[in-house]
Protein backbone atom coordinates (compact mmCIF):
# COMPACT_ATOMS: atom_id res chain seq x y z
CA MET A 1 121.60 15.29 64.27
CA ILE A 2 117.90 15.51 65.06
CA SER A 3 116.89 18.62 66.74
CA PRO A 4 115.20 17.99 70.23
CA GLY A 5 111.36 18.47 70.49
CA SER A 6 109.40 18.37 73.54
CA GLU A 7 109.52 14.61 73.94
CA ALA A 8 112.76 13.62 72.37
CA ASP A 9 116.33 14.58 72.92
CA PRO A 10 119.44 13.62 70.80
CA GLU A 11 122.16 11.89 72.71
CA THR A 12 125.59 10.37 72.15
CA THR A 13 125.33 6.73 72.66
CA ALA A 14 128.05 4.12 73.10
CA THR A 15 127.45 0.64 72.15
CA SER A 16 130.78 -1.01 70.79
CA GLU A 17 134.38 -0.18 69.89
CA PHE A 18 134.17 3.50 69.54
CA ASN A 19 130.66 3.07 68.20
CA ILE A 20 129.54 6.67 69.07
CA ARG A 21 126.49 7.87 67.36
CA HIS A 22 123.70 10.08 67.99
CA ALA A 23 120.28 8.71 69.07
CA GLU A 24 116.99 10.36 69.62
CA VAL A 25 115.54 9.35 73.03
CA PRO A 26 112.89 10.94 75.51
CA GLN A 27 114.15 13.89 77.28
CA PRO A 28 114.76 12.47 81.03
CA VAL A 29 112.21 13.16 83.68
CA PRO A 30 113.73 13.99 87.21
CA GLY A 31 112.89 11.33 89.84
CA LYS A 32 112.21 11.91 93.50
CA GLY A 33 115.02 14.17 94.96
CA GLU A 34 116.45 14.98 91.41
CA ALA A 35 117.20 17.97 89.44
CA LEU A 36 116.88 18.30 85.53
CA ILE A 37 119.89 19.84 84.02
CA LYS A 38 120.44 21.51 80.62
CA VAL A 39 124.08 20.53 79.66
CA ARG A 40 126.23 23.41 78.48
CA MET A 41 129.63 21.75 78.19
CA ALA A 42 130.94 18.15 78.92
CA GLY A 43 134.59 16.68 78.91
CA ILE A 44 135.70 13.31 77.42
CA CYS A 45 137.98 11.35 79.67
CA ARG A 46 139.82 8.00 79.44
CA THR A 47 136.93 6.29 81.19
CA ASP A 48 134.42 7.41 78.43
CA GLN A 49 136.66 6.03 75.81
CA GLU A 50 137.07 2.79 77.62
CA LEU A 51 133.28 2.40 78.05
CA ALA A 52 132.97 3.07 74.30
CA LYS A 53 135.21 0.24 73.60
CA GLY A 54 132.96 -2.11 75.69
CA TYR A 55 134.49 -1.88 79.09
CA MET A 56 132.04 -3.09 81.86
CA SER A 57 129.70 -4.21 78.95
CA PHE A 58 128.52 -0.56 78.81
CA GLU A 59 125.51 0.34 76.83
CA GLY A 60 123.88 3.85 76.92
CA ILE A 61 124.89 7.50 77.32
CA PRO A 62 128.50 8.13 78.64
CA GLY A 63 129.87 11.29 80.04
CA HIS A 64 130.30 12.36 83.79
CA GLU A 65 132.31 15.66 83.54
CA PHE A 66 129.99 18.48 82.95
CA THR A 67 128.65 21.90 83.56
CA GLY A 68 124.98 22.91 82.95
CA VAL A 69 121.85 24.77 84.19
CA VAL A 70 119.18 23.56 86.43
CA VAL A 71 115.86 23.83 84.62
CA ASP A 72 113.50 21.86 86.79
CA LEU A 73 113.13 20.14 90.11
CA HIS A 74 111.21 17.01 91.20
CA LYS A 75 108.06 18.32 93.26
CA SER A 76 109.71 16.48 96.24
CA ILE A 77 112.45 19.00 96.56
CA ALA A 78 110.86 22.12 94.85
CA VAL A 79 111.00 23.90 98.06
CA ASP A 80 114.16 22.85 99.69
CA TYR A 81 116.28 23.29 96.55
CA LYS A 82 114.56 26.11 94.81
CA HIS A 83 117.73 28.17 95.13
CA LEU A 84 119.06 26.02 92.44
CA ASN A 85 116.72 26.90 89.60
CA GLY A 86 118.55 28.56 86.87
CA LYS A 87 121.88 28.09 88.46
CA ARG A 88 124.92 26.79 86.59
CA VAL A 89 126.03 23.58 88.40
CA VAL A 90 128.46 20.75 88.36
CA GLY A 91 127.72 17.46 89.85
CA GLU A 92 129.00 14.47 91.88
CA ILE A 93 128.49 11.37 89.94
CA ASN A 94 127.68 8.72 92.28
CA CYS A 95 123.95 8.21 93.40
CA GLY A 96 123.62 6.04 96.49
CA CYS A 97 120.23 4.25 97.38
CA GLY A 98 120.17 6.41 100.62
CA ASP A 99 119.01 3.22 102.86
CA CYS A 100 121.82 0.82 103.04
CA GLN A 101 124.71 0.70 105.73
CA TRP A 102 127.08 2.53 103.58
CA CYS A 103 124.85 5.41 102.57
CA ASN A 104 123.88 5.82 106.26
CA GLU A 105 127.66 6.26 107.04
CA GLY A 106 128.13 8.86 104.28
CA LEU A 107 129.82 6.45 101.89
CA ASP A 108 127.27 6.90 99.01
CA GLY A 109 130.02 6.36 96.48
CA HIS A 110 130.50 2.76 97.85
CA CYS A 111 126.57 1.89 97.92
CA PRO A 112 126.35 -1.65 96.28
CA ASP A 113 123.18 -0.36 94.59
CA ARG A 114 124.48 2.89 93.39
CA THR A 115 124.09 4.36 89.94
CA VAL A 116 126.97 6.46 88.49
CA LEU A 117 126.41 9.16 85.98
CA GLY A 118 127.37 8.11 82.41
CA ILE A 119 129.12 4.89 83.72
CA LYS A 120 126.71 2.60 85.55
CA GLY A 121 122.96 2.51 85.38
CA LYS A 122 122.41 6.23 84.72
CA ASP A 123 122.70 8.26 81.37
CA GLY A 124 125.34 10.63 81.31
CA ALA A 125 126.42 14.12 80.21
CA PHE A 126 126.91 13.56 76.53
CA ALA A 127 123.30 14.49 76.06
CA GLN A 128 121.41 17.77 76.00
CA TYR A 129 119.79 17.03 79.50
CA LEU A 130 120.64 14.74 82.45
CA THR A 131 119.28 14.31 85.83
CA LEU A 132 121.22 14.01 89.13
CA PRO A 133 120.12 14.07 92.79
CA ALA A 134 119.86 17.78 93.92
CA LYS A 135 122.20 17.03 96.78
CA ASN A 136 124.84 16.01 94.54
CA LEU A 137 125.00 19.51 92.86
CA HIS A 138 127.34 22.34 93.45
CA THR A 139 126.77 25.88 91.99
CA VAL A 140 129.44 27.37 89.83
CA PRO A 141 130.68 30.90 90.63
CA ASP A 142 129.35 33.48 88.28
CA GLU A 143 132.80 34.55 87.10
CA MET A 144 133.93 31.18 86.15
CA ASP A 145 133.60 30.19 82.49
CA ASP A 146 132.24 26.85 81.44
CA ARG A 147 135.42 25.35 80.12
CA THR A 148 136.99 25.83 83.49
CA ALA A 149 134.12 24.67 85.57
CA VAL A 150 133.98 21.22 83.62
CA PHE A 151 137.42 20.39 85.28
CA ALA A 152 135.62 20.18 88.74
CA GLU A 153 135.15 16.49 88.75
CA PRO A 154 138.56 15.34 87.59
CA LEU A 155 140.27 17.90 90.14
CA ALA A 156 138.11 16.72 92.89
CA ALA A 157 139.48 13.15 92.13
CA ALA A 158 142.79 14.53 92.35
CA LEU A 159 142.21 16.19 95.55
CA GLU A 160 140.70 12.98 97.12
CA ILE A 161 144.37 12.09 97.99
CA PHE A 162 144.38 14.73 100.67
CA GLN A 163 141.29 13.15 102.27
CA GLN A 164 143.09 9.66 102.46
CA VAL A 165 146.62 10.39 103.28
CA GLN A 166 148.45 12.84 105.37
CA ILE A 167 150.56 14.98 102.87
CA LYS A 168 153.53 16.90 104.07
CA PRO A 169 155.45 19.49 102.21
CA SER A 170 158.69 17.36 103.04
CA HIS A 171 157.31 14.44 101.01
CA ARG A 172 159.10 13.40 97.76
CA ILE A 173 156.21 12.05 95.60
CA LEU A 174 156.19 10.31 92.11
CA VAL A 175 153.22 10.47 89.86
CA ILE A 176 153.03 7.86 87.11
CA GLY A 177 151.09 8.86 84.16
CA ASP A 178 150.80 12.24 82.16
CA GLY A 179 147.13 12.09 81.32
CA LYS A 180 144.87 14.70 82.42
CA LEU A 181 144.31 13.09 85.85
CA GLY A 182 148.06 12.62 86.42
CA ILE A 183 148.74 16.20 85.45
CA LEU A 184 146.12 17.54 87.79
CA ILE A 185 147.41 15.23 90.77
CA ALA A 186 151.00 16.40 90.09
CA LYS A 187 149.98 20.08 90.30
CA VAL A 188 147.87 19.95 93.41
CA LEU A 189 150.69 18.09 95.12
CA GLN A 190 153.07 20.83 93.94
CA LEU A 191 150.67 23.51 95.44
CA ALA A 192 151.09 21.44 98.68
CA GLY A 193 154.78 22.20 98.76
CA CYS A 194 155.80 18.61 98.05
CA ASP A 195 158.85 17.65 95.84
CA VAL A 196 156.91 16.23 92.89
CA THR A 197 158.13 14.20 89.81
CA CYS A 198 155.69 13.30 87.09
CA LEU A 199 156.50 10.30 84.68
CA GLY A 200 155.03 10.19 81.26
CA LYS A 201 155.59 9.40 77.55
CA CYS A 202 154.26 12.33 75.65
CA LYS A 203 156.43 15.34 75.09
CA ASN A 204 153.79 18.05 74.92
CA LYS A 205 152.40 16.91 78.14
CA LEU A 206 155.76 16.87 79.93
CA ASP A 207 156.55 20.27 78.48
CA LEU A 208 153.32 21.52 79.92
CA LEU A 209 154.17 20.18 83.40
CA GLY A 210 157.55 21.87 83.06
CA GLY A 211 155.93 24.99 82.14
CA TRP A 212 153.77 24.72 85.41
CA GLY A 213 156.93 24.03 87.52
CA VAL A 214 156.47 20.53 88.00
CA GLN A 215 159.54 18.20 87.27
CA ALA A 216 158.53 15.84 84.56
CA VAL A 217 160.66 12.93 83.23
CA ASP A 218 160.19 10.71 80.17
CA CYS A 219 159.66 7.05 81.04
CA ASP A 220 162.54 5.68 79.00
CA LYS A 221 164.98 8.43 80.82
CA PHE A 222 163.74 7.76 84.21
CA GLN A 223 166.47 6.70 86.72
CA PRO A 224 165.12 4.55 89.44
CA GLU A 225 165.06 6.21 92.92
CA PHE A 226 162.98 6.02 96.11
CA PHE A 227 159.98 8.21 96.98
CA ASP A 228 157.92 8.56 100.16
CA MET A 229 154.73 8.16 98.05
CA VAL A 230 153.94 7.21 94.60
CA VAL A 231 150.62 7.83 92.72
CA GLU A 232 150.05 5.50 89.90
CA ALA A 233 147.52 7.12 87.30
CA SER A 234 148.50 5.50 84.16
CA GLY A 235 146.27 2.48 84.36
CA ASN A 236 149.10 0.47 82.84
CA PRO A 237 150.30 -2.80 84.65
CA GLU A 238 153.94 -1.42 83.86
CA GLY A 239 153.10 1.60 85.96
CA PHE A 240 152.16 -0.43 88.95
CA SER A 241 155.56 -2.32 88.73
CA THR A 242 157.40 0.98 88.39
CA ALA A 243 155.54 2.13 91.54
CA LEU A 244 156.45 -0.73 93.66
CA ASN A 245 160.19 -0.41 92.60
CA SER A 246 160.13 3.42 93.29
CA LEU A 247 158.87 3.35 96.92
CA LYS A 248 160.85 3.60 100.08
CA PRO A 249 160.15 0.98 102.67
CA ARG A 250 156.83 1.82 104.49
CA GLY A 251 155.95 4.05 101.56
CA THR A 252 152.57 4.75 100.32
CA LEU A 253 151.14 3.57 96.89
CA ILE A 254 148.08 5.24 95.86
CA LEU A 255 146.27 3.81 92.90
CA LYS A 256 144.15 6.35 90.94
CA SER A 257 143.44 4.34 87.86
CA THR A 258 141.41 1.09 87.44
CA TYR A 259 142.82 -1.70 85.33
CA HIS A 260 140.95 -3.21 82.44
CA GLY A 261 141.31 -6.90 82.67
CA ALA A 262 143.30 -9.10 85.17
CA MET A 263 146.70 -8.09 86.16
CA ASN A 264 149.57 -10.45 87.41
CA LEU A 265 150.46 -9.20 90.76
CA ASP A 266 153.68 -10.19 92.95
CA ALA A 267 152.33 -9.09 96.42
CA SER A 268 155.56 -10.11 98.21
CA PRO A 269 157.06 -6.69 97.90
CA LEU A 270 154.09 -4.99 99.49
CA VAL A 271 154.47 -7.18 102.43
CA ILE A 272 158.36 -7.29 102.84
CA ASN A 273 158.63 -3.49 102.39
CA GLU A 274 155.60 -2.95 104.51
CA ILE A 275 153.92 -0.76 101.69
CA ASN A 276 150.77 1.11 102.32
CA LEU A 277 148.37 0.44 99.51
CA ILE A 278 145.35 2.87 98.98
CA GLY A 279 142.70 2.70 96.28
CA SER A 280 141.32 6.36 95.22
CA ARG A 281 138.51 7.48 93.37
CA CYS A 282 136.01 10.52 93.38
CA GLY A 283 136.66 13.51 95.46
CA PRO A 284 135.54 16.66 97.10
CA PHE A 285 133.94 19.32 94.79
CA GLU A 286 134.05 22.43 96.88
CA PRO A 287 137.88 22.55 97.41
CA ALA A 288 138.18 21.80 93.65
CA LEU A 289 135.86 24.79 92.73
CA ARG A 290 137.73 27.05 95.07
CA LEU A 291 141.02 26.18 93.50
CA LEU A 292 139.51 26.73 90.01
CA GLU A 293 138.03 30.10 91.24
CA LYS A 294 141.34 31.32 92.33
CA ASP A 295 142.97 30.25 89.03
CA LEU A 296 145.55 28.31 91.05
CA ILE A 297 145.46 25.56 88.40
CA PRO A 298 145.60 26.76 84.81
CA VAL A 299 143.13 24.22 83.32
CA LYS A 300 142.63 26.07 80.22
CA ASP A 301 146.15 24.97 79.16
CA LEU A 302 144.74 21.45 79.06
CA VAL A 303 142.11 22.05 76.54
CA THR A 304 143.39 20.80 73.11
CA GLU A 305 139.98 21.66 71.36
CA ILE A 306 136.26 22.23 71.95
CA TYR A 307 133.85 20.58 69.45
CA SER A 308 130.27 21.17 68.86
CA PHE A 309 128.08 18.15 70.18
CA ASP A 310 127.04 17.26 66.70
CA LEU A 311 130.84 16.44 66.02
CA SER A 312 130.97 13.88 68.88
CA GLU A 313 132.52 11.06 66.68
CA GLN A 314 135.34 13.42 65.52
CA ALA A 315 135.78 14.41 69.07
CA PHE A 316 136.13 10.90 70.44
CA ALA A 317 138.71 10.18 67.70
CA HIS A 318 140.75 13.31 68.62
CA ALA A 319 140.58 12.36 72.17
CA ALA A 320 142.24 8.97 71.53
CA GLU A 321 145.34 10.52 70.02
CA PRO A 322 148.31 10.14 72.37
CA GLU A 323 149.14 13.83 72.21
CA THR A 324 145.75 15.14 72.94
CA LEU A 325 145.09 16.57 76.37
CA LYS A 326 141.46 17.56 77.16
CA ILE A 327 138.67 17.49 74.33
CA LEU A 328 135.30 19.16 75.40
CA LEU A 329 131.88 19.14 73.80
CA SER A 330 129.76 22.20 73.70
CA PHE A 331 126.00 22.11 73.41
CA GLY A 332 123.98 24.55 71.51
CA ARG A 333 126.56 27.58 72.23
CA LYS A 334 128.84 29.45 69.75
CA LEU A 335 132.56 28.43 70.37
């Protein structure tokens, strides 16, 4: 890997089927309202892997789960956000235009012209530097280490459910999918007092959930029953079918995964059983950071391995293995 100079910065770039390579590109310059962040640690998630395989015809620098240090601010915010200088931060990934109807209604994440860090129109966190609007940034508590803070983004996504649906401790909830997001969702629902079952395929992940006190069931051993709510976090069409067959009449189905390609769907059960169908994406960072600060979710249990940034190719290969939980990339720091 080429060491960065004043004008160049080595990045991990995705262009084809897991075609992850290092490339030297200019260090990004913060635009109006933006901060320049030196990345300390980043997480590889399923979305990054799909983008690296060509999902959404992606080309560029992926990565959206990160923690880093603010090293510069655009002159337009140098005074208002000077408190961020030198601070460790995590960041919300959607960057709205600021002028459209949805942005004016506080729905920046649905702006039709938005960019999304490492996903759409904005280079991401698998780089030594990135830029984000300063208003998207949240400071990391001093006592929280990087490998914990990097979970703020996926944990926020898990918490978004509470922003959209009234969750009661009396609810019986099925979570389909034992990936990182599914595991985090199951845990936060358990913390809310719900009777939670998580459905998955990997023994080590199901065992981890069991160790956290969450009922975990192998897909092949699942006996159909009815739940008040189902969270589909597998991204698999079979998971969607299982979800529909596991809901009580007037139950709620929450979709936390996107589906690559078209999916055949018989919508009749949604109508006949009066099912509430809710799509759910990104979520609130401040509650996520509070949960992490209180160590209420033992996210370090999810870290399979931390790789140096120059071993990004090996890290992506390891992340793709079925038994792998979370793979992190560390930038210029001893592991």
